[in-house]
Amino acid sequence: MVPVEANAVFVRMAEPLLNGLQGIGWHFYRFIGAGGARLMCSWATEHADIDALTNDLQRLTAQSAS
């Protein structure tokens, strides 16, 4: 939604994906309106953490398409 300039990313995605991510344990802020979320990374975030998030997103997307 806005340029990536720090350890926060503002995204817009389908509510089922946001709910699915929260349902499997991902924590993020949803105070910016319907379908919007703020994803925050700590300074200790590893590439494996990002890979895990993207893998979960891909899996949830595939599940919602079937």
C-alpha atoms as a PDB file:
ATOM      1  CA  MET A   1       0.000   0.000   0.000  1.00  0.00           C
ATOM      2  CA  VAL A   2       2.957   2.332   0.659  1.00  0.00           C
ATOM      3  CA  PRO A   3       6.672   2.148  -0.172  1.00  0.00           C
ATOM      4  CA  VAL A   4       8.769  -0.196   1.964  1.00  0.00           C
ATOM      5  CA  GLU A   5      11.200   1.994   3.872  1.00  0.00           C
ATOM      6  CA  ALA A   6      11.553   0.349   7.263  1.00  0.00           C
ATOM      7  CA  ASN A   7      10.702  -2.810   9.186  1.00  0.00           C
ATOM      8  CA  ALA A   8       6.985  -2.347   8.504  1.00  0.00           C
ATOM      9  CA  VAL A   9       5.038  -3.323   5.418  1.00  0.00           C
ATOM     10  CA  PHE A  10       1.474  -2.158   4.808  1.00  0.00           C
ATOM     11  CA  VAL A  11      -0.499  -4.616   2.695  1.00  0.00           C
ATOM     12  CA  ARG A  12      -4.001  -5.126   1.417  1.00  0.00           C
ATOM     13  CA  MET A  13      -5.181  -8.727   1.069  1.00  0.00           C
ATOM     14  CA  ALA A  14      -8.366 -10.728   1.177  1.00  0.00           C
ATOM     15  CA  GLU A  15      -9.972 -11.065   4.606  1.00  0.00           C
ATOM     16  CA  PRO A  16      -9.879 -14.901   4.450  1.00  0.00           C
ATOM     17  CA  LEU A  17      -6.099 -14.755   4.058  1.00  0.00           C
ATOM     18  CA  LEU A  18      -5.707 -12.339   6.959  1.00  0.00           C
ATOM     19  CA  ASN A  19      -7.972 -14.499   9.111  1.00  0.00           C
ATOM     20  CA  GLY A  20      -6.108 -17.632   8.037  1.00  0.00           C
ATOM     21  CA  LEU A  21      -2.728 -16.176   8.944  1.00  0.00           C
ATOM     22  CA  GLN A  22      -3.985 -15.123  12.357  1.00  0.00           C
ATOM     23  CA  GLY A  23      -5.597 -18.533  12.789  1.00  0.00           C
ATOM     24  CA  ILE A  24      -2.264 -20.316  12.396  1.00  0.00           C
ATOM     25  CA  GLY A  25      -0.460 -17.998  14.768  1.00  0.00           C
ATOM     26  CA  TRP A  26       0.838 -15.014  12.816  1.00  0.00           C
ATOM     27  CA  HIS A  27       0.435 -11.713  14.666  1.00  0.00           C
ATOM     28  CA  PHE A  28      -0.046  -8.393  12.910  1.00  0.00           C
ATOM     29  CA  TYR A  29      -2.054  -5.203  13.165  1.00  0.00           C
ATOM     30  CA  ARG A  30      -5.348  -4.739  11.311  1.00  0.00           C
ATOM     31  CA  PHE A  31      -6.317  -1.235  12.415  1.00  0.00           C
ATOM     32  CA  ILE A  32      -5.976   0.371   8.978  1.00  0.00           C
ATOM     33  CA  GLY A  33      -9.291  -0.639   7.425  1.00  0.00           C
ATOM     34  CA  ALA A  34     -10.886  -3.636   5.776  1.00  0.00           C
ATOM     35  CA  GLY A  35      -8.337  -5.839   4.063  1.00  0.00           C
ATOM     36  CA  GLY A  36      -5.400  -3.797   5.312  1.00  0.00           C
ATOM     37  CA  ALA A  37      -2.657  -4.985   7.630  1.00  0.00           C
ATOM     38  CA  ARG A  38       0.645  -3.752   8.992  1.00  0.00           C
ATOM     39  CA  LEU A  39       3.299  -6.452   9.053  1.00  0.00           C
ATOM     40  CA  MET A  40       6.200  -5.690  11.375  1.00  0.00           C
ATOM     41  CA  CYS A  41       9.603  -7.339  11.497  1.00  0.00           C
ATOM     42  CA  SER A  42      11.882  -7.200  14.498  1.00  0.00           C
ATOM     43  CA  TRP A  43      15.556  -6.571  13.989  1.00  0.00           C
ATOM     44  CA  ALA A  44      16.051 -10.278  14.799  1.00  0.00           C
ATOM     45  CA  THR A  45      13.880 -11.448  11.887  1.00  0.00           C
ATOM     46  CA  GLU A  46      15.623 -14.120   9.825  1.00  0.00           C
ATOM     47  CA  HIS A  47      15.164 -14.959   6.147  1.00  0.00           C
ATOM     48  CA  ALA A  48      13.629 -18.255   7.313  1.00  0.00           C
ATOM     49  CA  ASP A  49      10.890 -16.271   9.087  1.00  0.00           C
ATOM     50  CA  ILE A  50       9.992 -14.481   5.861  1.00  0.00           C
ATOM     51  CA  ASP A  51      10.087 -17.793   3.983  1.00  0.00           C
ATOM     52  CA  ALA A  52       7.700 -19.299   6.553  1.00  0.00           C
ATOM     53  CA  LEU A  53       5.271 -16.389   6.114  1.00  0.00           C
ATOM     54  CA  THR A  54       5.320 -16.588   2.325  1.00  0.00           C
ATOM     55  CA  ASN A  55       4.921 -20.392   2.438  1.00  0.00           C
ATOM     56  CA  ASP A  56       1.890 -20.028   4.707  1.00  0.00           C
ATOM     57  CA  LEU A  57       0.433 -17.356   2.418  1.00  0.00           C
ATOM     58  CA  GLN A  58       0.895 -19.590  -0.615  1.00  0.00           C
ATOM     59  CA  ARG A  59      -0.708 -22.550   1.166  1.00  0.00           C
ATOM     60  CA  LEU A  60      -3.680 -20.473   2.351  1.00  0.00           C
ATOM     61  CA  THR A  61      -4.118 -18.985  -1.125  1.00  0.00           C
ATOM     62  CA  ALA A  62      -4.154 -22.447  -2.683  1.00  0.00           C
ATOM     63  CA  GLN A  63      -6.682 -23.668  -0.084  1.00  0.00           C
ATOM     64  CA  SER A  64      -9.007 -20.743  -0.715  1.00  0.00           C
ATOM     65  CA  ALA A  65      -8.854 -21.338  -4.482  1.00  0.00           C
ATOM     66  CA  SER A  66     -10.029 -24.945  -4.165  1.00  0.00           C
END
